[in-house]
């Protein structure tokens, strides 16, 4: 039978028994802290609120979390970086000197 107080550290993978009564767990090995319930890295904003409320707070207030969400949305919808795309502009023009397709700019005399 598993001990419900046994936890694996989310920072160093050390296993230990936590017999405290707080949501914040600190690993005796690496001193990293995480939530006993949701196992996410501990942040002061998690104190006194449920894991679900904390996640909602993260979605609304954490710029890094929002950036990750935006990146996932862009990837899911086929909008992303051009790093691995041989033809990022997808413009139906003729290939240029470097093999990429592009728009040929005409000099207008206005600039």
PDB file of N, CA and C in Angstrom:
ATOM      1  N   UNK A   1       0.841  -1.184   0.000  1.00  0.00           N
ATOM      2  CA  UNK A   1       0.000   0.000   0.000  1.00  0.00           C
ATOM      3  C   UNK A   1       0.888   1.250   0.000  1.00  0.00           C
ATOM      4  N   UNK A   2       0.537   2.197  -0.839  1.00  0.00           N
ATOM      5  CA  UNK A   2       1.304   3.436  -0.942  1.00  0.00           C
ATOM      6  C   UNK A   2       1.033   4.338   0.256  1.00  0.00           C
ATOM      7  N   UNK A   3       2.062   5.022   0.698  1.00  0.00           N
ATOM      8  CA  UNK A   3       1.909   6.008   1.760  1.00  0.00           C
ATOM      9  C   UNK A   3       1.481   7.319   1.109  1.00  0.00           C
ATOM     10  N   UNK A   4       0.317   7.868   1.471  1.00  0.00           N
ATOM     11  CA  UNK A   4      -0.156   9.103   0.836  1.00  0.00           C
ATOM     12  C   UNK A   4       0.726  10.315   1.123  1.00  0.00           C
ATOM     13  N   UNK A   5       1.615  10.187   2.108  1.00  0.00           N
ATOM     14  CA  UNK A   5       2.511  11.295   2.438  1.00  0.00           C
ATOM     15  C   UNK A   5       3.862  11.191   1.742  1.00  0.00           C
ATOM     16  N   UNK A   6       4.063  10.119   0.964  1.00  0.00           N
ATOM     17  CA  UNK A   6       5.316   9.987   0.223  1.00  0.00           C
ATOM     18  C   UNK A   6       5.255  10.903  -0.992  1.00  0.00           C
ATOM     19  N   UNK A   7       6.295  11.675  -1.206  1.00  0.00           N
ATOM     20  CA  UNK A   7       6.373  12.593  -2.343  1.00  0.00           C
ATOM     21  C   UNK A   7       7.728  12.483  -3.010  1.00  0.00           C
ATOM     22  N   UNK A   8       7.711  12.646  -4.320  1.00  0.00           N
ATOM     23  CA  UNK A   8       8.943  12.806  -5.083  1.00  0.00           C
ATOM     24  C   UNK A   8       9.149  14.303  -5.247  1.00  0.00           C
ATOM     25  N   UNK A   9      10.366  14.768  -5.019  1.00  0.00           N
ATOM     26  CA  UNK A   9      10.666  16.188  -5.208  1.00  0.00           C
ATOM     27  C   UNK A   9      10.557  16.517  -6.689  1.00  0.00           C
ATOM     28  N   UNK A  10       9.938  17.637  -6.986  1.00  0.00           N
ATOM     29  CA  UNK A  10       9.790  18.063  -8.381  1.00  0.00           C
ATOM     30  C   UNK A  10      11.043  18.771  -8.887  1.00  0.00           C
ATOM     31  N   UNK A  11      11.988  19.028  -7.990  1.00  0.00           N
ATOM     32  CA  UNK A  11      13.210  19.736  -8.379  1.00  0.00           C
ATOM     33  C   UNK A  11      14.399  18.795  -8.569  1.00  0.00           C
ATOM     34  N   UNK A  12      14.535  17.803  -7.655  1.00  0.00           N
ATOM     35  CA  UNK A  12      15.725  16.945  -7.714  1.00  0.00           C
ATOM     36  C   UNK A  12      15.397  15.454  -7.774  1.00  0.00           C
ATOM     37  N   UNK A  13      14.155  15.085  -7.738  1.00  0.00           N
ATOM     38  CA  UNK A  13      13.696  13.691  -7.799  1.00  0.00           C
ATOM     39  C   UNK A  13      14.036  12.870  -6.552  1.00  0.00           C
ATOM     40  N   UNK A  14      14.342  13.522  -5.445  1.00  0.00           N
ATOM     41  CA  UNK A  14      14.519  12.840  -4.173  1.00  0.00           C
ATOM     42  C   UNK A  14      13.144  12.411  -3.650  1.00  0.00           C
ATOM     43  N   UNK A  15      13.045  11.221  -3.075  1.00  0.00           N
ATOM     44  CA  UNK A  15      11.797  10.770  -2.479  1.00  0.00           C
ATOM     45  C   UNK A  15      11.846  10.933  -0.974  1.00  0.00           C
ATOM     46  N   UNK A  16      10.727  11.337  -0.379  1.00  0.00           N
ATOM     47  CA  UNK A  16      10.693  11.543   1.075  1.00  0.00           C
ATOM     48  C   UNK A  16       9.249  11.500   1.585  1.00  0.00           C
ATOM     49  N   UNK A  17       9.115  11.314   2.880  1.00  0.00           N
ATOM     50  CA  UNK A  17       7.807  11.325   3.538  1.00  0.00           C
ATOM     51  C   UNK A  17       7.586  12.731   4.084  1.00  0.00           C
ATOM     52  N   UNK A  18       6.466  13.322   3.722  1.00  0.00           N
ATOM     53  CA  UNK A  18       6.110  14.649   4.230  1.00  0.00           C
ATOM     54  C   UNK A  18       4.963  14.466   5.208  1.00  0.00           C
ATOM     55  N   UNK A  19       5.214  14.764   6.464  1.00  0.00           N
ATOM     56  CA  UNK A  19       4.178  14.581   7.467  1.00  0.00           C
ATOM     57  C   UNK A  19       3.661  15.911   8.005  1.00  0.00           C
ATOM     58  N   UNK A  20       3.875  16.973   7.247  1.00  0.00           N
ATOM     59  CA  UNK A  20       3.384  18.287   7.647  1.00  0.00           C
ATOM     60  C   UNK A  20       1.921  18.461   7.296  1.00  0.00           C
ATOM     61  N   UNK A  21       1.376  19.607   7.654  1.00  0.00           N
ATOM     62  CA  UNK A  21      -0.033  19.878   7.359  1.00  0.00           C
ATOM     63  C   UNK A  21      -0.214  21.145   6.530  1.00  0.00           C
ATOM     64  N   UNK A  22       0.840  21.570   5.866  1.00  0.00           N
ATOM     65  CA  UNK A  22       0.763  22.755   5.020  1.00  0.00           C
ATOM     66  C   UNK A  22       0.851  22.347   3.558  1.00  0.00           C
ATOM     67  N   UNK A  23       0.355  23.222   2.690  1.00  0.00           N
ATOM     68  CA  UNK A  23       0.425  22.950   1.249  1.00  0.00           C
ATOM     69  C   UNK A  23       1.853  23.040   0.728  1.00  0.00           C
ATOM     70  N   UNK A  24       2.647  23.914   1.306  1.00  0.00           N
ATOM     71  CA  UNK A  24       4.029  24.101   0.853  1.00  0.00           C
ATOM     72  C   UNK A  24       4.906  22.988   1.407  1.00  0.00           C
ATOM     73  N   UNK A  25       5.537  22.243   0.492  1.00  0.00           N
ATOM     74  CA  UNK A  25       6.439  21.155   0.844  1.00  0.00           C
ATOM     75  C   UNK A  25       7.856  21.587   0.492  1.00  0.00           C
ATOM     76  N   UNK A  26       8.798  21.364   1.413  1.00  0.00           N
ATOM     77  CA  UNK A  26      10.190  21.662   1.124  1.00  0.00           C
ATOM     78  C   UNK A  26      10.984  20.354   1.141  1.00  0.00           C
ATOM     79  N   UNK A  27      11.705  20.111   0.071  1.00  0.00           N
ATOM     80  CA  UNK A  27      12.516  18.904  -0.046  1.00  0.00           C
ATOM     81  C   UNK A  27      13.687  18.973   0.938  1.00  0.00           C
ATOM     82  N   UNK A  28      13.878  17.931   1.749  1.00  0.00           N
ATOM     83  CA  UNK A  28      15.007  17.935   2.686  1.00  0.00           C
ATOM     84  C   UNK A  28      16.363  17.824   1.992  1.00  0.00           C
ATOM     85  N   UNK A  29      16.376  17.356   0.750  1.00  0.00           N
ATOM     86  CA  UNK A  29      17.628  17.175   0.013  1.00  0.00           C
ATOM     87  C   UNK A  29      18.095  18.482  -0.641  1.00  0.00           C
ATOM     88  N   UNK A  30      17.252  19.050  -1.526  1.00  0.00           N
ATOM     89  CA  UNK A  30      17.681  20.218  -2.309  1.00  0.00           C
ATOM     90  C   UNK A  30      17.097  21.535  -1.804  1.00  0.00           C
ATOM     91  N   UNK A  31      16.152  21.458  -0.868  1.00  0.00           N
ATOM     92  CA  UNK A  31      15.481  22.629  -0.291  1.00  0.00           C
ATOM     93  C   UNK A  31      14.541  23.327  -1.270  1.00  0.00           C
ATOM     94  N   UNK A  32      14.262  22.689  -2.408  1.00  0.00           N
ATOM     95  CA  UNK A  32      13.278  23.228  -3.346  1.00  0.00           C
ATOM     96  C   UNK A  32      11.879  23.059  -2.759  1.00  0.00           C
ATOM     97  N   UNK A  33      10.968  23.946  -3.094  1.00  0.00           N
ATOM     98  CA  UNK A  33       9.618  23.844  -2.537  1.00  0.00           C
ATOM     99  C   UNK A  33       8.578  23.742  -3.646  1.00  0.00           C
ATOM    100  N   UNK A  34       7.499  23.026  -3.342  1.00  0.00           N
ATOM    101  CA  UNK A  34       6.410  22.826  -4.289  1.00  0.00           C
ATOM    102  C   UNK A  34       5.133  22.577  -3.511  1.00  0.00           C
ATOM    103  N   UNK A  35       3.999  22.591  -4.203  1.00  0.00           N
ATOM    104  CA  UNK A  35       2.704  22.380  -3.577  1.00  0.00           C
ATOM    105  C   UNK A  35       2.470  20.884  -3.365  1.00  0.00           C
ATOM    106  N   UNK A  36       2.011  20.504  -2.184  1.00  0.00           N
ATOM    107  CA  UNK A  36       1.726  19.116  -1.838  1.00  0.00           C
ATOM    108  C   UNK A  36       0.655  18.528  -2.755  1.00  0.00           C
ATOM    109  N   UNK A  37      -0.347  19.325  -3.130  1.00  0.00           N
ATOM    110  CA  UNK A  37      -1.477  18.838  -3.928  1.00  0.00           C
ATOM    111  C   UNK A  37      -1.189  18.834  -5.431  1.00  0.00           C
ATOM    112  N   UNK A  38      -0.880  20.004  -5.991  1.00  0.00           N
ATOM    113  CA  UNK A  38      -0.733  20.111  -7.449  1.00  0.00           C
ATOM    114  C   UNK A  38       0.702  19.893  -7.930  1.00  0.00           C
ATOM    115  N   UNK A  39       1.659  19.866  -7.007  1.00  0.00           N
ATOM    116  CA  UNK A  39       3.069  19.603  -7.285  1.00  0.00           C
ATOM    117  C   UNK A  39       3.745  20.675  -8.146  1.00  0.00           C
ATOM    118  N   UNK A  40       3.127  21.813  -8.287  1.00  0.00           N
ATOM    119  CA  UNK A  40       3.751  22.917  -9.030  1.00  0.00           C
ATOM    120  C   UNK A  40       4.772  23.610  -8.130  1.00  0.00           C
ATOM    121  N   UNK A  41       5.812  24.208  -8.734  1.00  0.00           N
ATOM    122  CA  UNK A  41       6.774  24.959  -7.913  1.00  0.00           C
ATOM    123  C   UNK A  41       6.039  25.976  -7.039  1.00  0.00           C
ATOM    124  N   UNK A  42       6.474  26.080  -5.797  1.00  0.00           N
ATOM    125  CA  UNK A  42       5.780  26.949  -4.848  1.00  0.00           C
ATOM    126  C   UNK A  42       6.037  28.413  -5.160  1.00  0.00           C
ATOM    127  N   UNK A  43       4.960  29.194  -5.098  1.00  0.00           N
ATOM    128  CA  UNK A  43       5.038  30.650  -5.226  1.00  0.00           C
ATOM    129  C   UNK A  43       4.220  31.244  -4.096  1.00  0.00           C
ATOM    130  N   UNK A  44       4.623  32.390  -3.571  1.00  0.00           N
ATOM    131  CA  UNK A  44       3.898  32.995  -2.450  1.00  0.00           C
ATOM    132  C   UNK A  44       2.406  33.228  -2.738  1.00  0.00           C
ATOM    133  N   UNK A  45       2.048  33.440  -3.990  1.00  0.00           N
ATOM    134  CA  UNK A  45       0.651  33.698  -4.351  1.00  0.00           C
ATOM    135  C   UNK A  45      -0.240  32.474  -4.131  1.00  0.00           C
ATOM    136  N   UNK A  46       0.359  31.296  -3.975  1.00  0.00           N
ATOM    137  CA  UNK A  46      -0.405  30.060  -3.762  1.00  0.00           C
ATOM    138  C   UNK A  46      -0.861  29.932  -2.298  1.00  0.00           C
ATOM    139  N   UNK A  47      -0.202  30.659  -1.409  1.00  0.00           N
ATOM    140  CA  UNK A  47      -0.509  30.568   0.017  1.00  0.00           C
ATOM    141  C   UNK A  47      -1.965  30.926   0.295  1.00  0.00           C
ATOM    142  N   UNK A  48      -2.683  30.014   0.924  1.00  0.00           N
ATOM    143  CA  UNK A  48      -4.050  30.289   1.362  1.00  0.00           C
ATOM    144  C   UNK A  48      -5.125  30.154   0.295  1.00  0.00           C
ATOM    145  N   UNK A  49      -4.768  29.744  -0.921  1.00  0.00           N
ATOM    146  CA  UNK A  49      -5.791  29.563  -1.958  1.00  0.00           C
ATOM    147  C   UNK A  49      -5.667  28.169  -2.565  1.00  0.00           C
ATOM    148  N   UNK A  50      -6.745  27.702  -3.150  1.00  0.00           N
ATOM    149  CA  UNK A  50      -6.744  26.362  -3.749  1.00  0.00           C
ATOM    150  C   UNK A  50      -5.831  26.328  -4.971  1.00  0.00           C
ATOM    151  N   UNK A  51      -5.468  25.129  -5.365  1.00  0.00           N
ATOM    152  CA  UNK A  51      -4.624  24.953  -6.553  1.00  0.00           C
ATOM    153  C   UNK A  51      -5.334  25.496  -7.791  1.00  0.00           C
ATOM    154  N   UNK A  52      -6.642  25.271  -7.871  1.00  0.00           N
ATOM    155  CA  UNK A  52      -7.416  25.765  -9.015  1.00  0.00           C
ATOM    156  C   UNK A  52      -7.423  27.291  -9.061  1.00  0.00           C
ATOM    157  N   UNK A  53      -7.627  27.932  -7.919  1.00  0.00           N
ATOM    158  CA  UNK A  53      -7.605  29.397  -7.872  1.00  0.00           C
ATOM    159  C   UNK A  53      -6.213  29.932  -8.191  1.00  0.00           C
ATOM    160  N   UNK A  54      -5.179  29.220  -7.737  1.00  0.00           N
ATOM    161  CA  UNK A  54      -3.817  29.637  -8.038  1.00  0.00           C
ATOM    162  C   UNK A  54      -3.548  29.556  -9.540  1.00  0.00           C
ATOM    163  N   UNK A  55      -3.995  28.467 -10.180  1.00  0.00           N
ATOM    164  CA  UNK A  55      -3.815  28.327 -11.628  1.00  0.00           C
ATOM    165  C   UNK A  55      -4.548  29.438 -12.372  1.00  0.00           C
ATOM    166  N   UNK A  56      -5.742  29.780 -11.932  1.00  0.00           N
ATOM    167  CA  UNK A  56      -6.480  30.890 -12.553  1.00  0.00           C
ATOM    168  C   UNK A  56      -5.710  32.193 -12.390  1.00  0.00           C
ATOM    169  N   UNK A  57      -5.140  32.404 -11.210  1.00  0.00           N
ATOM    170  CA  UNK A  57      -4.350  33.617 -10.971  1.00  0.00           C
ATOM    171  C   UNK A  57      -3.153  33.645 -11.924  1.00  0.00           C
ATOM    172  N   UNK A  58      -2.482  32.475 -12.080  1.00  0.00           N
ATOM    173  CA  UNK A  58      -1.325  32.405 -12.979  1.00  0.00           C
ATOM    174  C   UNK A  58      -1.716  32.769 -14.409  1.00  0.00           C
ATOM    175  N   UNK A  59      -2.831  32.225 -14.877  1.00  0.00           N
ATOM    176  CA  UNK A  59      -3.285  32.504 -16.244  1.00  0.00           C
ATOM    177  C   UNK A  59      -3.510  33.994 -16.460  1.00  0.00           C
ATOM    178  N   UNK A  60      -4.034  34.652 -15.457  1.00  0.00           N
ATOM    179  CA  UNK A  60      -4.401  36.064 -15.601  1.00  0.00           C
ATOM    180  C   UNK A  60      -3.262  37.036 -15.322  1.00  0.00           C
ATOM    181  N   UNK A  61      -2.240  36.613 -14.559  1.00  0.00           N
ATOM    182  CA  UNK A  61      -1.252  37.569 -14.077  1.00  0.00           C
ATOM    183  C   UNK A  61       0.203  37.284 -14.405  1.00  0.00           C
ATOM    184  N   UNK A  62       0.537  36.084 -14.765  1.00  0.00           N
ATOM    185  CA  UNK A  62       1.937  35.736 -14.974  1.00  0.00           C
ATOM    186  C   UNK A  62       2.303  35.877 -16.446  1.00  0.00           C
ATOM    187  N   UNK A  63       3.157  36.858 -16.794  1.00  0.00           N
ATOM    188  CA  UNK A  63       3.519  37.063 -18.206  1.00  0.00           C
ATOM    189  C   UNK A  63       4.176  35.836 -18.840  1.00  0.00           C
ATOM    190  N   UNK A  64       4.984  35.108 -18.083  1.00  0.00           N
ATOM    191  CA  UNK A  64       5.640  33.919 -18.638  1.00  0.00           C
ATOM    192  C   UNK A  64       4.604  32.847 -18.969  1.00  0.00           C
ATOM    193  N   UNK A  65       3.634  32.653 -18.088  1.00  0.00           N
ATOM    194  CA  UNK A  65       2.570  31.683 -18.322  1.00  0.00           C
ATOM    195  C   UNK A  65       1.754  32.092 -19.552  1.00  0.00           C
ATOM    196  N   UNK A  66       1.473  33.395 -19.668  1.00  0.00           N
ATOM    197  CA  UNK A  66       0.711  33.893 -20.808  1.00  0.00           C
ATOM    198  C   UNK A  66       1.495  33.703 -22.108  1.00  0.00           C
ATOM    199  N   UNK A  67       2.807  33.922 -22.068  1.00  0.00           N
ATOM    200  CA  UNK A  67       3.638  33.741 -23.262  1.00  0.00           C
ATOM    201  C   UNK A  67       3.637  32.278 -23.699  1.00  0.00           C
ATOM    202  N   UNK A  68       3.690  31.359 -22.723  1.00  0.00           N
ATOM    203  CA  UNK A  68       3.644  29.932 -23.057  1.00  0.00           C
ATOM    204  C   UNK A  68       2.306  29.586 -23.695  1.00  0.00           C
ATOM    205  N   UNK A  69       1.226  30.160 -23.158  1.00  0.00           N
ATOM    206  CA  UNK A  69      -0.096  29.910 -23.720  1.00  0.00           C
ATOM    207  C   UNK A  69      -0.212  30.446 -25.139  1.00  0.00           C
ATOM    208  N   UNK A  70       0.343  31.613 -25.373  1.00  0.00           N
ATOM    209  CA  UNK A  70       0.318  32.204 -26.707  1.00  0.00           C
ATOM    210  C   UNK A  70       1.126  31.354 -27.681  1.00  0.00           C
ATOM    211  N   UNK A  71       2.294  30.905 -27.247  1.00  0.00           N
ATOM    212  CA  UNK A  71       3.132  30.064 -28.115  1.00  0.00           C
ATOM    213  C   UNK A  71       2.396  28.775 -28.482  1.00  0.00           C
ATOM    214  N   UNK A  72       1.716  28.172 -27.512  1.00  0.00           N
ATOM    215  CA  UNK A  72       0.962  26.940 -27.782  1.00  0.00           C
ATOM    216  C   UNK A  72      -0.175  27.217 -28.759  1.00  0.00           C
ATOM    217  N   UNK A  73      -0.864  28.334 -28.589  1.00  0.00           N
ATOM    218  CA  UNK A  73      -1.970  28.696 -29.486  1.00  0.00           C
ATOM    219  C   UNK A  73      -1.454  28.886 -30.914  1.00  0.00           C
ATOM    220  N   UNK A  74      -0.366  29.606 -31.049  1.00  0.00           N
ATOM    221  CA  UNK A  74       0.197  29.853 -32.380  1.00  0.00           C
ATOM    222  C   UNK A  74       0.618  28.545 -33.041  1.00  0.00           C
ATOM    223  N   UNK A  75       1.244  27.658 -32.276  1.00  0.00           N
ATOM    224  CA  UNK A  75       1.679  26.372 -32.822  1.00  0.00           C
ATOM    225  C   UNK A  75       0.479  25.524 -33.245  1.00  0.00           C
ATOM    226  N   UNK A  76      -0.557  25.472 -32.409  1.00  0.00           N
ATOM    227  CA  UNK A  76      -1.751  24.686 -32.722  1.00  0.00           C
ATOM    228  C   UNK A  76      -2.448  25.183 -33.986  1.00  0.00           C
ATOM    229  N   UNK A  77      -2.320  26.470 -34.273  1.00  0.00           N
ATOM    230  CA  UNK A  77      -3.009  27.060 -35.408  1.00  0.00           C
ATOM    231  C   UNK A  77      -2.095  27.295 -36.607  1.00  0.00           C
ATOM    232  N   UNK A  78      -0.925  26.672 -36.577  1.00  0.00           N
ATOM    233  CA  UNK A  78      -0.024  26.746 -37.723  1.00  0.00           C
ATOM    234  C   UNK A  78       0.643  28.089 -37.905  1.00  0.00           C
ATOM    235  N   UNK A  79       0.691  28.866 -36.853  1.00  0.00           N
ATOM    236  CA  UNK A  79       1.345  30.175 -36.910  1.00  0.00           C
ATOM    237  C   UNK A  79       2.563  30.056 -36.015  1.00  0.00           C
ATOM    238  N   UNK A  80       3.739  30.224 -36.566  1.00  0.00           N
ATOM    239  CA  UNK A  80       4.903  30.036 -35.713  1.00  0.00           C
ATOM    240  C   UNK A  80       6.126  30.701 -36.268  1.00  0.00           C
ATOM    241  N   UNK A  81       7.227  30.284 -35.720  1.00  0.00           N
ATOM    242  CA  UNK A  81       8.495  30.846 -36.169  1.00  0.00           C
ATOM    243  C   UNK A  81       8.882  30.233 -37.497  1.00  0.00           C
ATOM    244  N   UNK A  82       9.800  30.847 -38.151  1.00  0.00           N
ATOM    245  CA  UNK A  82      10.220  30.405 -39.470  1.00  0.00           C
ATOM    246  C   UNK A  82      11.527  29.629 -39.398  1.00  0.00           C
ATOM    247  N   UNK A  83      11.980  29.299 -38.217  1.00  0.00           N
ATOM    248  CA  UNK A  83      13.284  28.668 -38.060  1.00  0.00           C
ATOM    249  C   UNK A  83      13.444  27.423 -38.916  1.00  0.00           C
ATOM    250  N   UNK A  84      12.452  26.554 -38.940  1.00  0.00           N
ATOM    251  CA  UNK A  84      12.580  25.286 -39.647  1.00  0.00           C
ATOM    252  C   UNK A  84      11.775  25.248 -40.938  1.00  0.00           C
ATOM    253  N   UNK A  85      11.307  26.392 -41.370  1.00  0.00           N
ATOM    254  CA  UNK A  85      10.468  26.452 -42.562  1.00  0.00           C
ATOM    255  C   UNK A  85      11.323  26.907 -43.741  1.00  0.00           C
ATOM    256  N   UNK A  86      11.496  26.061 -44.763  1.00  0.00           N
ATOM    257  CA  UNK A  86      12.339  26.441 -45.900  1.00  0.00           C
ATOM    258  C   UNK A  86      11.745  27.578 -46.726  1.00  0.00           C
ATOM    259  N   UNK A  87      10.457  27.798 -46.644  1.00  0.00           N
ATOM    260  CA  UNK A  87       9.805  28.859 -47.403  1.00  0.00           C
ATOM    261  C   UNK A  87       8.830  29.595 -46.489  1.00  0.00           C
ATOM    262  N   UNK A  88       9.347  30.413 -45.552  1.00  0.00           N
ATOM    263  CA  UNK A  88       8.501  31.009 -44.529  1.00  0.00           C
ATOM    264  C   UNK A  88       7.450  31.982 -45.046  1.00  0.00           C
ATOM    265  N   UNK A  89       7.718  32.657 -46.134  1.00  0.00           N
ATOM    266  CA  UNK A  89       6.745  33.663 -46.565  1.00  0.00           C
ATOM    267  C   UNK A  89       5.611  33.070 -47.381  1.00  0.00           C
ATOM    268  N   UNK A  90       5.816  31.909 -47.957  1.00  0.00           N
ATOM    269  CA  UNK A  90       4.794  31.225 -48.748  1.00  0.00           C
ATOM    270  C   UNK A  90       4.182  32.152 -49.811  1.00  0.00           C
ATOM    271  N   UNK A  91       5.021  33.001 -50.347  1.00  0.00           N
ATOM    272  CA  UNK A  91       4.558  33.933 -51.370  1.00  0.00           C
ATOM    273  C   UNK A  91       4.796  33.302 -52.734  1.00  0.00           C
ATOM    274  N   UNK A  92       3.776  33.287 -53.583  1.00  0.00           N
ATOM    275  CA  UNK A  92       3.927  32.623 -54.879  1.00  0.00           C
ATOM    276  C   UNK A  92       4.717  33.454 -55.883  1.00  0.00           C
ATOM    277  N   UNK A  93       5.984  33.666 -55.588  1.00  0.00           N
ATOM    278  CA  UNK A  93       6.835  34.388 -56.523  1.00  0.00           C
ATOM    279  C   UNK A  93       7.949  33.485 -56.975  1.00  0.00           C
ATOM    280  N   UNK A  94       8.836  33.999 -57.803  1.00  0.00           N
ATOM    281  CA  UNK A  94       9.931  33.142 -58.252  1.00  0.00           C
ATOM    282  C   UNK A  94      11.034  33.151 -57.193  1.00  0.00           C
ATOM    283  N   UNK A  95      11.815  32.095 -57.178  1.00  0.00           N
ATOM    284  CA  UNK A  95      12.870  31.957 -56.188  1.00  0.00           C
ATOM    285  C   UNK A  95      13.957  32.985 -56.437  1.00  0.00           C
ATOM    286  N   UNK A  96      14.474  33.545 -55.353  1.00  0.00           N
ATOM    287  CA  UNK A  96      15.543  34.523 -55.436  1.00  0.00           C
ATOM    288  C   UNK A  96      16.896  33.850 -55.450  1.00  0.00           C
ATOM    289  N   UNK A  97      17.956  34.629 -55.292  1.00  0.00           N
ATOM    290  CA  UNK A  97      19.316  34.110 -55.346  1.00  0.00           C
ATOM    291  C   UNK A  97      19.583  33.056 -54.283  1.00  0.00           C
ATOM    292  N   UNK A  98      19.033  33.259 -53.088  1.00  0.00           N
ATOM    293  CA  UNK A  98      19.306  32.320 -52.000  1.00  0.00           C
ATOM    294  C   UNK A  98      18.316  31.156 -51.966  1.00  0.00           C
ATOM    295  N   UNK A  99      17.451  31.067 -52.966  1.00  0.00           N
ATOM    296  CA  UNK A  99      16.514  29.959 -53.048  1.00  0.00           C
ATOM    297  C   UNK A  99      15.172  30.219 -52.390  1.00  0.00           C
ATOM    298  N   UNK A 100      15.051  31.340 -51.667  1.00  0.00           N
ATOM    299  CA  UNK A 100      13.771  31.616 -51.022  1.00  0.00           C
ATOM    300  C   UNK A 100      12.893  32.424 -51.963  1.00  0.00           C
ATOM    301  N   UNK A 101      11.625  32.289 -51.755  1.00  0.00           N
ATOM    302  CA  UNK A 101      10.694  33.078 -52.549  1.00  0.00           C
ATOM    303  C   UNK A 101      10.491  34.416 -51.846  1.00  0.00           C
ATOM    304  N   UNK A 102      10.364  35.449 -52.585  1.00  0.00           N
ATOM    305  CA  UNK A 102      10.209  36.751 -51.959  1.00  0.00           C
ATOM    306  C   UNK A 102       9.535  37.726 -52.893  1.00  0.00           C
ATOM    307  N   UNK A 103       9.389  38.907 -52.417  1.00  0.00           N
ATOM    308  CA  UNK A 103       8.775  39.968 -53.201  1.00  0.00           C
ATOM    309  C   UNK A 103       9.899  40.828 -53.761  1.00  0.00           C
ATOM    310  N   UNK A 104       9.833  41.096 -55.022  1.00  0.00           N
ATOM    311  CA  UNK A 104      10.831  41.943 -55.650  1.00  0.00           C
ATOM    312  C   UNK A 104      10.391  43.387 -55.443  1.00  0.00           C
ATOM    313  N   UNK A 105      11.249  44.182 -54.804  1.00  0.00           N
ATOM    314  CA  UNK A 105      10.905  45.567 -54.529  1.00  0.00           C
ATOM    315  C   UNK A 105      11.308  46.427 -55.722  1.00  0.00           C
ATOM    316  N   UNK A 106      10.421  47.278 -56.106  1.00  0.00           N
ATOM    317  CA  UNK A 106      10.694  48.186 -57.213  1.00  0.00           C
ATOM    318  C   UNK A 106      11.013  49.562 -56.670  1.00  0.00           C
ATOM    319  N   UNK A 107      11.982  50.199 -57.260  1.00  0.00           N
ATOM    320  CA  UNK A 107      12.318  51.536 -56.842  1.00  0.00           C
ATOM    321  C   UNK A 107      11.286  52.490 -57.439  1.00  0.00           C
ATOM    322  N   UNK A 108      10.655  53.267 -56.576  1.00  0.00           N
ATOM    323  CA  UNK A 108       9.593  54.154 -57.041  1.00  0.00           C
ATOM    324  C   UNK A 108      10.064  55.589 -57.187  1.00  0.00           C
ATOM    325  N   UNK A 109      11.206  55.891 -56.600  1.00  0.00           N
ATOM    326  CA  UNK A 109      11.672  57.273 -56.665  1.00  0.00           C
ATOM    327  C   UNK A 109      11.037  58.129 -55.578  1.00  0.00           C
ATOM    328  N   UNK A 110      10.238  57.526 -54.699  1.00  0.00           N
ATOM    329  CA  UNK A 110       9.597  58.282 -53.637  1.00  0.00           C
ATOM    330  C   UNK A 110      10.351  58.209 -52.313  1.00  0.00           C
ATOM    331  N   UNK A 111      11.493  57.645 -52.249  1.00  0.00           N
ATOM    332  CA  UNK A 111      12.115  57.498 -50.936  1.00  0.00           C
ATOM    333  C   UNK A 111      13.542  57.445 -51.003  1.00  0.00           C
TER     334      UNK A 111
END
